Protein backbone atom coordinates (compact mmCIF):
# COMPACT_ATOMS: atom_id res chain seq x y z
CA MET A 1 -85.30 -77.58 -117.64
CA GLN A 2 -82.79 -75.25 -119.27
CA LYS A 3 -79.53 -74.79 -117.41
CA LYS A 4 -78.90 -71.30 -116.04
CA PRO A 5 -76.13 -69.61 -118.06
CA GLU A 6 -72.73 -68.99 -116.50
CA GLN A 7 -72.16 -65.48 -115.09
CA TRP A 8 -69.55 -63.58 -113.13
CA ALA A 9 -70.62 -62.79 -109.56
CA SER A 10 -68.98 -59.34 -109.50
CA LYS A 11 -67.21 -56.73 -111.60
CA ILE A 12 -63.95 -57.12 -109.67
CA GLY A 13 -64.16 -60.89 -110.14
CA PHE A 14 -64.43 -60.40 -113.91
CA ILE A 15 -61.53 -57.91 -113.99
CA LEU A 16 -59.24 -60.07 -111.85
CA SER A 17 -60.13 -63.20 -113.82
CA SER A 18 -59.49 -61.38 -117.11
CA ALA A 19 -56.24 -59.98 -115.70
CA GLY A 20 -55.34 -63.49 -114.56
CA ALA A 21 -56.03 -64.76 -118.07
CA ALA A 22 -53.82 -62.01 -119.48
CA ILE A 23 -50.98 -61.94 -116.95
CA GLY A 24 -49.88 -65.53 -116.26
CA LEU A 25 -46.92 -66.71 -118.26
CA GLY A 26 -47.17 -63.86 -120.75
CA ALA A 27 -46.07 -61.15 -118.33
CA ILE A 28 -44.07 -63.14 -115.80
CA TRP A 29 -42.31 -65.86 -117.80
CA LYS A 30 -42.26 -64.83 -121.44
CA PHE A 31 -41.90 -61.05 -121.19
CA PRO A 32 -38.50 -61.04 -119.39
CA TYR A 33 -36.79 -63.46 -121.75
CA MET A 34 -38.32 -61.88 -124.86
CA THR A 35 -37.11 -58.49 -123.64
CA GLY A 36 -33.67 -59.95 -122.91
CA GLU A 37 -33.40 -61.47 -126.39
CA ASN A 38 -34.73 -58.43 -128.26
CA GLY A 39 -32.90 -55.34 -127.08
CA GLY A 40 -34.07 -54.56 -123.55
CA GLY A 41 -35.56 -51.09 -123.06
CA ALA A 42 -36.46 -50.47 -126.70
CA PHE A 43 -38.47 -53.72 -126.78
CA PHE A 44 -40.22 -52.76 -123.52
CA LEU A 45 -41.18 -49.34 -124.91
CA LEU A 46 -42.56 -50.90 -128.09
CA PHE A 47 -44.46 -53.45 -126.01
CA ILE A 48 -46.14 -50.66 -124.01
CA ALA A 49 -47.00 -48.71 -127.18
CA PHE A 50 -48.49 -51.77 -128.91
CA THR A 51 -50.43 -52.72 -125.77
CA ILE A 52 -52.05 -49.26 -125.51
CA ILE A 53 -52.75 -48.37 -129.15
CA ILE A 54 -53.35 -51.87 -130.61
CA GLY A 55 -53.94 -54.41 -127.85
CA LEU A 56 -56.33 -52.32 -125.73
CA PRO A 57 -58.70 -51.41 -128.62
CA ILE A 58 -58.82 -55.08 -129.67
CA LEU A 59 -59.44 -56.19 -126.07
CA ILE A 60 -62.44 -53.82 -125.93
CA ALA A 61 -63.63 -55.25 -129.26
CA GLU A 62 -63.47 -58.82 -127.93
CA PHE A 63 -65.43 -57.75 -124.84
CA ILE A 64 -68.07 -56.15 -127.08
CA ILE A 65 -68.41 -59.26 -129.23
CA GLY A 66 -68.82 -61.55 -126.23
CA ARG A 67 -71.28 -59.50 -124.21
CA GLY A 68 -73.10 -58.29 -127.32
CA ALA A 69 -73.81 -61.87 -128.38
CA GLN A 70 -74.02 -63.30 -124.83
CA LYS A 71 -72.43 -66.45 -126.21
CA GLU A 72 -69.06 -68.19 -126.23
CA ALA A 73 -66.52 -67.65 -129.02
CA ILE A 74 -67.83 -69.86 -131.82
CA SER A 75 -71.54 -69.12 -131.25
CA ALA A 76 -70.87 -65.39 -130.80
CA TYR A 77 -69.55 -64.93 -134.34
CA GLN A 78 -72.27 -67.17 -135.75
CA THR A 79 -74.84 -64.91 -134.07
CA LEU A 80 -73.32 -61.58 -135.06
CA ALA A 81 -71.99 -62.34 -138.57
CA PRO A 82 -74.27 -62.60 -141.60
CA LYS A 83 -75.33 -66.13 -142.54
CA ARG A 84 -72.90 -68.03 -144.78
CA SER A 85 -70.32 -65.36 -144.04
CA LEU A 86 -66.61 -66.17 -143.86
CA TRP A 87 -66.44 -64.02 -140.71
CA ARG A 88 -67.94 -66.90 -138.78
CA PHE A 89 -64.62 -68.74 -138.92
CA ILE A 90 -63.01 -66.27 -136.45
CA GLY A 91 -64.44 -68.19 -133.51
CA HIS A 92 -63.04 -71.47 -134.81
CA TRP A 93 -59.67 -69.77 -135.38
CA GLY A 94 -59.73 -68.60 -131.77
CA VAL A 95 -60.59 -71.99 -130.30
CA ALA A 96 -57.86 -73.66 -132.41
CA GLY A 97 -55.36 -71.00 -131.33
CA ALA A 98 -56.25 -71.35 -127.64
CA PHE A 99 -55.97 -75.13 -127.91
CA LEU A 100 -52.53 -74.97 -129.52
CA LEU A 101 -51.42 -72.23 -127.13
CA MET A 102 -52.34 -74.34 -124.11
CA SER A 103 -50.56 -77.39 -125.54
CA PHE A 104 -47.14 -75.73 -125.04
CA TYR A 105 -48.19 -73.29 -122.31
CA SER A 106 -49.01 -76.27 -120.08
CA VAL A 107 -45.47 -77.57 -120.62
CA VAL A 108 -44.11 -74.40 -118.98
CA GLY A 109 -46.86 -74.72 -116.38
CA GLY A 110 -45.45 -78.17 -115.67
CA TRP A 111 -41.99 -76.67 -115.14
CA VAL A 112 -43.46 -74.19 -112.65
CA LEU A 113 -45.33 -77.00 -110.90
CA THR A 114 -42.15 -79.09 -110.66
CA TYR A 115 -40.15 -76.18 -109.26
CA SER A 116 -42.95 -75.43 -106.78
CA LEU A 117 -43.03 -79.01 -105.49
CA LEU A 118 -39.22 -79.21 -105.25
CA SER A 119 -39.02 -75.89 -103.40
CA ILE A 120 -41.32 -76.95 -100.54
CA PRO A 121 -38.76 -79.36 -98.97
CA GLY A 122 -35.95 -76.92 -99.86
CA MET A 123 -34.54 -78.83 -102.85
CA ILE A 124 -33.98 -75.80 -105.12
CA ILE A 125 -31.68 -73.45 -103.22
CA GLY A 126 -28.26 -74.77 -102.23
CA ASN A 127 -24.73 -73.46 -101.67
CA GLU A 128 -23.26 -75.40 -104.60
CA THR A 129 -26.31 -75.32 -106.86
CA ASN A 130 -25.81 -74.30 -110.48
CA TYR A 131 -29.29 -73.07 -111.34
CA ALA A 132 -28.75 -73.22 -115.10
CA ASP A 133 -27.74 -76.88 -114.80
CA LEU A 134 -30.73 -77.56 -112.53
CA PHE A 135 -33.11 -76.13 -115.12
CA ALA A 136 -31.45 -78.17 -117.87
CA THR A 137 -31.80 -81.32 -115.74
CA ILE A 138 -35.50 -80.78 -115.05
CA THR A 139 -36.46 -79.86 -118.63
CA GLY A 140 -34.19 -82.60 -119.99
CA SER A 141 -36.01 -85.33 -118.08
CA PRO A 142 -38.80 -86.89 -120.21
CA PHE A 143 -40.45 -88.29 -117.07
CA LEU A 144 -40.53 -84.99 -115.16
CA THR A 145 -41.67 -82.89 -118.11
CA ILE A 146 -44.46 -85.28 -119.12
CA LEU A 147 -45.60 -85.71 -115.51
CA GLY A 148 -45.59 -81.96 -114.85
CA HIS A 149 -47.40 -81.33 -118.15
CA PHE A 150 -50.10 -83.88 -117.22
CA LEU A 151 -50.60 -82.72 -113.62
CA PHE A 152 -50.84 -79.08 -114.69
CA ILE A 153 -53.58 -79.90 -117.18
CA MET A 154 -55.49 -81.99 -114.64
CA ILE A 155 -55.54 -79.04 -112.20
CA ASN A 156 -57.07 -76.97 -115.00
CA VAL A 157 -59.65 -79.64 -115.67
CA VAL A 158 -60.75 -79.70 -112.02
CA VAL A 159 -61.15 -75.90 -111.72
CA VAL A 160 -62.86 -75.40 -115.09
CA SER A 161 -65.24 -78.27 -114.23
CA PHE A 162 -66.65 -76.17 -111.39
CA GLY A 163 -67.56 -73.37 -113.80
CA VAL A 164 -66.96 -69.63 -113.93
CA LYS A 165 -68.24 -68.29 -110.60
CA ASP A 166 -67.31 -71.18 -108.29
CA GLY A 167 -64.10 -72.17 -110.05
CA ILE A 168 -62.28 -69.46 -112.00
CA GLU A 169 -63.57 -66.33 -110.25
CA LYS A 170 -63.12 -67.45 -106.63
CA THR A 171 -59.58 -68.64 -107.35
CA SER A 172 -58.55 -65.42 -109.13
CA LYS A 173 -59.93 -63.06 -106.46
CA ILE A 174 -57.67 -64.60 -103.82
CA LEU A 175 -54.49 -65.31 -105.72
CA MET A 176 -53.94 -62.30 -107.98
CA PRO A 177 -53.59 -59.72 -105.14
CA LEU A 178 -51.16 -62.02 -103.30
CA LEU A 179 -49.02 -62.31 -106.42
CA PHE A 180 -48.72 -58.50 -106.67
CA ILE A 181 -47.56 -58.28 -103.04
CA PHE A 182 -44.86 -60.93 -103.43
CA PHE A 183 -43.64 -59.45 -106.70
CA ILE A 184 -43.13 -56.07 -105.06
CA ILE A 185 -41.10 -57.74 -102.26
CA LEU A 186 -38.93 -59.45 -104.88
CA VAL A 187 -38.38 -56.19 -106.79
CA ILE A 188 -37.25 -54.38 -103.63
CA ARG A 189 -34.66 -57.09 -102.99
CA SER A 190 -33.49 -57.32 -106.59
CA ILE A 191 -32.71 -53.64 -107.05
CA THR A 192 -30.54 -53.62 -103.90
CA PHE A 193 -27.97 -56.09 -105.29
CA ASP A 194 -24.53 -54.76 -106.22
CA GLY A 195 -24.50 -54.26 -109.98
CA ALA A 196 -28.31 -53.99 -110.18
CA MET A 197 -28.15 -50.57 -111.86
CA GLU A 198 -26.71 -52.05 -115.03
CA GLY A 199 -29.73 -54.32 -115.24
CA LEU A 200 -32.08 -51.40 -114.69
CA ARG A 201 -30.38 -49.45 -117.48
CA PHE A 202 -30.69 -52.43 -119.84
CA PHE A 203 -34.42 -52.72 -119.07
CA LEU A 204 -35.46 -49.07 -118.83
CA GLN A 205 -33.05 -47.23 -121.16
CA PRO A 206 -34.10 -47.77 -124.80
CA ASP A 207 -31.44 -48.51 -127.41
CA PHE A 208 -33.29 -48.42 -130.73
CA SER A 209 -30.18 -49.47 -132.66
CA LYS A 210 -30.86 -53.02 -131.46
CA LEU A 211 -34.30 -53.16 -133.09
CA ASN A 212 -35.16 -54.75 -136.44
CA THR A 213 -38.40 -55.82 -138.11
CA GLU A 214 -38.29 -59.21 -136.38
CA ASN A 215 -37.97 -57.56 -132.95
CA ILE A 216 -40.92 -55.33 -133.76
CA LEU A 217 -43.06 -58.35 -134.72
CA TYR A 218 -42.06 -60.06 -131.47
CA ALA A 219 -43.06 -56.93 -129.49
CA LEU A 220 -46.43 -56.88 -131.24
CA GLY A 221 -46.92 -60.60 -130.65
CA GLN A 222 -45.90 -60.21 -126.99
CA SER A 223 -48.51 -57.49 -126.45
CA PHE A 224 -51.18 -59.81 -127.84
CA PHE A 225 -49.86 -62.82 -125.90
CA SER A 226 -49.81 -60.85 -122.64
CA LEU A 227 -53.36 -59.52 -123.08
CA ALA A 228 -54.69 -62.91 -124.24
CA VAL A 229 -56.27 -61.29 -127.31
CA GLY A 230 -56.53 -62.81 -130.77
CA VAL A 231 -57.89 -66.21 -129.77
CA SER A 232 -61.29 -64.93 -128.55
CA VAL A 233 -60.66 -66.00 -124.94
CA MET A 234 -61.99 -62.60 -123.86
CA VAL A 235 -65.06 -63.09 -126.05
CA THR A 236 -65.97 -66.11 -123.94
CA TYR A 237 -65.15 -64.37 -120.65
CA SER A 238 -67.19 -61.25 -121.47
CA SER A 239 -70.19 -63.35 -122.51
CA TYR A 240 -70.67 -64.08 -118.79
CA LEU A 241 -70.74 -60.37 -117.92
CA LYS A 242 -73.67 -58.21 -116.76
CA LYS A 243 -74.70 -55.10 -118.70
CA ASP A 244 -73.91 -52.62 -115.90
CA VAL A 245 -70.15 -53.16 -116.21
CA SER A 246 -68.14 -50.72 -118.38
CA LEU A 247 -66.23 -52.66 -121.02
CA PRO A 248 -63.72 -49.87 -121.85
CA MET A 249 -62.90 -49.31 -118.17
CA SER A 250 -62.57 -53.05 -117.54
CA ALA A 251 -60.28 -53.42 -120.55
CA ALA A 252 -58.19 -50.45 -119.41
CA SER A 253 -57.87 -51.99 -115.92
CA VAL A 254 -56.69 -55.30 -117.40
CA SER A 255 -54.19 -53.55 -119.69
CA ILE A 256 -52.76 -51.39 -116.88
CA MET A 257 -52.36 -54.40 -114.59
CA ASN A 258 -50.69 -56.29 -117.41
CA ILE A 259 -48.16 -53.50 -118.09
CA PHE A 260 -47.55 -53.09 -114.36
CA VAL A 261 -46.84 -56.80 -113.83
CA SER A 262 -44.56 -56.81 -116.89
CA LEU A 263 -42.71 -53.84 -115.38
CA LEU A 264 -42.41 -55.67 -112.05
CA ALA A 265 -41.14 -58.78 -113.83
CA GLY A 266 -38.44 -56.78 -115.58
CA LEU A 267 -37.46 -54.95 -112.39
CA ALA A 268 -37.28 -58.28 -110.53
CA ILE A 269 -35.32 -60.20 -113.17
CA PHE A 270 -32.81 -57.93 -114.94
CA PRO A 271 -31.05 -56.46 -111.88
CA VAL A 272 -30.33 -60.03 -110.74
CA VAL A 273 -29.23 -61.07 -114.24
CA PHE A 274 -26.55 -58.40 -114.39
CA ALA A 275 -25.64 -58.53 -110.69
CA PHE A 276 -24.71 -62.21 -110.99
CA GLY A 277 -23.15 -62.04 -114.47
CA LEU A 278 -25.91 -64.02 -116.18
CA GLU A 279 -26.94 -63.54 -119.80
CA PRO A 280 -30.21 -61.68 -120.50
CA THR A 281 -30.49 -63.76 -123.69
CA GLU A 282 -30.80 -66.99 -121.68
CA GLY A 283 -34.19 -67.70 -123.29
CA PRO A 284 -37.19 -69.57 -121.82
CA GLY A 285 -35.17 -70.72 -118.80
CA LEU A 286 -34.27 -67.19 -117.69
CA LEU A 287 -36.90 -66.93 -114.95
CA PHE A 288 -36.10 -70.35 -113.49
CA ILE A 289 -32.40 -69.53 -113.27
CA VAL A 290 -32.68 -65.98 -111.93
CA LEU A 291 -35.39 -66.42 -109.28
CA PRO A 292 -33.53 -69.03 -107.17
CA GLU A 293 -30.36 -66.92 -107.50
CA ALA A 294 -32.18 -63.91 -106.05
CA PHE A 295 -33.98 -65.75 -103.27
CA ALA A 296 -30.78 -67.54 -102.24
CA GLN A 297 -29.41 -64.14 -101.16
CA MET A 298 -32.39 -63.36 -98.90
CA PRO A 299 -33.04 -64.31 -95.27
CA PHE A 300 -35.50 -67.23 -95.26
CA GLY A 301 -34.90 -67.47 -99.01
CA GLU A 302 -36.20 -71.02 -99.33
CA LEU A 303 -39.49 -70.10 -97.66
CA PHE A 304 -39.96 -67.01 -99.82
CA LEU A 305 -39.05 -68.94 -102.97
CA SER A 306 -41.63 -71.62 -102.15
CA LEU A 307 -44.35 -69.06 -101.53
CA PHE A 308 -43.52 -67.08 -104.65
CA LEU A 309 -43.40 -70.18 -106.86
CA LEU A 310 -46.78 -71.30 -105.54
CA LEU A 311 -48.28 -67.90 -106.29
CA PHE A 312 -46.59 -67.89 -109.69
CA LEU A 313 -48.09 -71.32 -110.30
CA PHE A 314 -51.54 -69.97 -109.45
CA ALA A 315 -51.03 -66.99 -111.79
CA VAL A 316 -50.08 -69.38 -114.56
CA LEU A 317 -53.16 -71.44 -113.79
CA THR A 318 -55.52 -68.44 -113.92
CA SER A 319 -54.20 -67.79 -117.40
CA SER A 320 -54.54 -71.38 -118.55
CA PHE A 321 -58.07 -71.62 -117.13
CA SER A 322 -59.18 -69.22 -119.87
CA MET A 323 -57.68 -71.37 -122.62
CA LEU A 324 -59.40 -74.54 -121.44
CA GLU A 325 -62.59 -72.57 -120.74
CA ILE A 326 -62.93 -71.34 -124.34
CA VAL A 327 -62.69 -74.90 -125.67
CA THR A 328 -65.00 -76.31 -122.98
CA ALA A 329 -67.60 -73.55 -123.42
CA ALA A 330 -67.62 -73.98 -127.21
CA VAL A 331 -68.24 -77.73 -127.01
CA THR A 332 -70.83 -77.62 -124.20
CA ALA A 333 -72.77 -74.90 -126.05
CA LYS A 334 -72.97 -76.96 -129.23
CA LYS A 335 -73.26 -80.50 -127.93
CA GLN A 336 -75.10 -79.90 -124.63
CA ARG A 337 -72.62 -82.16 -122.91
CA SER A 338 -71.56 -82.14 -119.27
CA ARG A 339 -69.03 -79.41 -118.45
CA ARG A 340 -66.96 -81.87 -116.41
CA THR A 341 -66.81 -84.49 -119.16
CA THR A 342 -66.00 -81.89 -121.80
CA ALA A 343 -63.24 -80.30 -119.68
CA LEU A 344 -61.67 -83.73 -119.08
CA VAL A 345 -61.75 -84.75 -122.76
CA ALA A 346 -60.43 -81.35 -123.88
CA GLY A 347 -57.69 -81.51 -121.26
CA LEU A 348 -56.57 -84.97 -122.38
CA LEU A 349 -56.49 -83.85 -126.03
CA VAL A 350 -54.34 -80.86 -125.05
CA PHE A 351 -52.05 -83.19 -123.09
CA PHE A 352 -51.42 -85.52 -126.02
CA THR A 353 -50.99 -82.60 -128.45
CA GLY A 354 -48.39 -81.03 -126.15
CA ILE A 355 -46.23 -84.13 -125.68
CA PRO A 356 -43.83 -83.23 -128.56
CA ALA A 357 -43.34 -79.75 -127.04
CA ALA A 358 -42.77 -81.33 -123.61
CA LEU A 359 -40.02 -83.52 -125.05
CA SER A 360 -38.35 -80.71 -127.03
CA SER A 361 -35.52 -80.41 -124.49
CA SER A 362 -34.97 -84.17 -124.16
CA SER A 363 -36.00 -87.04 -126.43
CA LEU A 364 -37.07 -84.83 -129.35
CA SER A 365 -34.44 -82.11 -129.01
CA ASP A 366 -32.91 -83.02 -132.38
CA VAL A 367 -36.25 -82.97 -134.23
CA THR A 368 -36.93 -79.57 -135.78
CA ILE A 369 -39.54 -77.82 -137.91
CA PHE A 370 -38.01 -75.06 -140.05
CA GLY A 371 -35.04 -75.06 -137.70
CA LYS A 372 -37.15 -74.85 -134.53
CA THR A 373 -37.96 -77.46 -131.89
CA PHE A 374 -41.61 -78.49 -131.46
CA PHE A 375 -41.86 -76.14 -128.47
CA ASP A 376 -40.34 -73.13 -130.28
CA ALA A 377 -42.34 -73.85 -133.45
CA SER A 378 -45.61 -73.98 -131.50
CA ASP A 379 -44.72 -70.75 -129.71
CA PHE A 380 -43.81 -69.01 -132.98
CA LEU A 381 -46.98 -70.21 -134.75
CA VAL A 382 -49.26 -68.98 -131.98
CA SER A 383 -47.46 -65.77 -130.94
CA ASN A 384 -46.44 -64.49 -134.38
CA ILE A 385 -49.11 -65.85 -136.73
CA MET A 386 -52.30 -66.96 -134.96
CA LEU A 387 -52.50 -64.15 -132.40
CA PRO A 388 -51.76 -61.28 -134.84
CA GLY A 389 -54.00 -62.97 -137.42
CA GLY A 390 -56.84 -63.33 -134.94
CA CYS A 391 -56.44 -59.72 -133.84
CA LEU A 392 -56.55 -58.57 -137.47
CA PHE A 393 -59.76 -60.53 -138.12
CA ILE A 394 -61.40 -59.20 -134.94
CA ALA A 395 -60.47 -55.58 -135.72
CA LEU A 396 -61.87 -55.85 -139.24
CA PHE A 397 -65.01 -57.66 -138.09
CA VAL A 398 -65.96 -55.12 -135.41
CA GLY A 399 -64.71 -52.19 -137.48
CA PHE A 400 -66.54 -53.02 -140.72
CA LYS A 401 -69.07 -55.84 -140.31
CA MET A 402 -70.63 -55.85 -136.85
CA ASP A 403 -73.83 -53.85 -136.22
CA LYS A 404 -72.76 -50.30 -135.27
CA GLN A 405 -75.70 -49.66 -132.97
CA LEU A 406 -74.88 -52.76 -130.92
CA ILE A 407 -71.21 -51.71 -130.76
CA GLN A 408 -72.12 -48.26 -129.42
CA GLN A 409 -74.54 -49.70 -126.86
CA GLU A 410 -72.01 -52.18 -125.49
CA PHE A 411 -69.24 -49.57 -125.44
CA ARG A 412 -71.35 -47.11 -123.43
CA TYR A 413 -73.06 -49.38 -120.92
CA GLY A 414 -71.92 -48.65 -117.36
CA ASN A 415 -69.92 -45.47 -118.12
CA GLN A 416 -70.22 -41.81 -119.06
CA LEU A 417 -67.66 -41.84 -121.89
CA GLY A 418 -68.70 -39.48 -124.65
CA ASP A 419 -68.48 -39.48 -128.44
CA PRO A 420 -64.82 -38.32 -128.63
CA VAL A 421 -63.62 -41.36 -126.66
CA TYR A 422 -65.83 -43.75 -128.60
CA ASN A 423 -64.78 -42.29 -131.96
CA ALA A 424 -61.09 -42.39 -131.06
CA TRP A 425 -61.36 -46.06 -130.05
CA TYR A 426 -63.37 -46.95 -133.16
CA GLN A 427 -60.90 -45.32 -135.55
CA LEU A 428 -57.92 -46.94 -133.81
CA LEU A 429 -59.61 -50.31 -134.14
CA ARG A 430 -60.77 -49.76 -137.70
CA TRP A 431 -57.62 -48.35 -139.28
CA LEU A 432 -54.52 -48.18 -137.11
CA ALA A 433 -54.73 -51.69 -135.63
CA PRO A 434 -55.18 -53.56 -138.94
CA LEU A 435 -52.60 -51.45 -140.81
CA THR A 436 -50.01 -51.86 -138.04
CA ILE A 437 -50.49 -55.62 -137.88
CA ILE A 438 -50.22 -55.98 -141.68
CA ILE A 439 -47.17 -53.72 -141.97
CA VAL A 440 -45.28 -55.39 -139.11
CA PHE A 441 -46.13 -58.86 -140.37
CA LEU A 442 -45.07 -58.12 -143.97
CA GLY A 443 -41.88 -56.50 -142.68
CA SER A 444 -41.00 -59.61 -140.69
CA LEU A 445 -41.37 -61.69 -143.86
CA GLY A 446 -38.99 -59.41 -145.74
CA PHE A 447 -41.57 -57.84 -148.07
CA LEU A 448 -40.95 -54.28 -146.79
């Protein structure tokens, strides 16, 4: 008897799960420190522009590929691309990218898990605590980083084993709204600190003199990282979607939520950074240093920090679910193996692959690849090469190779959008997205 295919139970479940896949570490952890390192307000403005005119059209394209084929990433391209066509490799590129992305993403997830567990008995906030030193201690411990990395992956394995509707969707529908509420509370407190206005100016007032071609590439990569496009995660997610759901409207909802959470992250972080004399260029540890500093100044700060870290952990998990799901779905579709067994094996492979990144702040801190630690090299490879590359391939595939009638059908299901909207999206995808990606990438390499 053939197994019934996976499917989302509701439209809102799909949107929140897709938003969870997009938001996670991209908007909450990575966006603030990337903004801090790359010019503040000008970077934020570029990020918004790239998200709307490049990321959103590609997100719609991934949705169309997945629901049009009704198959996970690898099988979708094999179904839609001509036989013996090189376009079929896009799915494999995506699965490889998601696998590598999760290998270092789960390291940060382990940091969040460690902080969450330490915050419950009140071991984070203290009168004499130096939060920068605390972060260095946690990330510099091989035992804690490896343990956190492993436990984070095992949580993913358990949830993905239950499938889409009973695992990913139910979790996302509860946790994502709670995260929004707590973020708004944190923003209100942050902007009331003395000196907060300087942080707001840094974040919201663009200074384009600080931008260069490398910053622009990072802003483009951040928009892709935050939307989870380029590795065909959204192809897999949309393959579980019913035909009565509007793909453009769903993609717009995900993009708006992503920008909004990024805005909240900046409003929560940068006022505290400047109010307490911290450096916005602190790097990956910025969030873990600033959050305890902010909560320490609040009544019941330890309780609020614990609750926020737990919700942040769940947001990170909803994002990582999508990465493990794309690998699990690809293998189960091809090999007809148990979802639980496949999720476990895939999770263990991710764990072992990510060990060098987990040890990049301790045992392997002196080992570099082109001047970068294993963690930074993995991040650079995924964010600045694999994600833009995947987005370029997807834009060209849908824009020039995929059946146009199927594209139009999938674009128009569940909505009343007319030809002008469809044509505008199609031209953005076909010309502006590929040209922008190529120009920015060549500029970052020094060819322009």
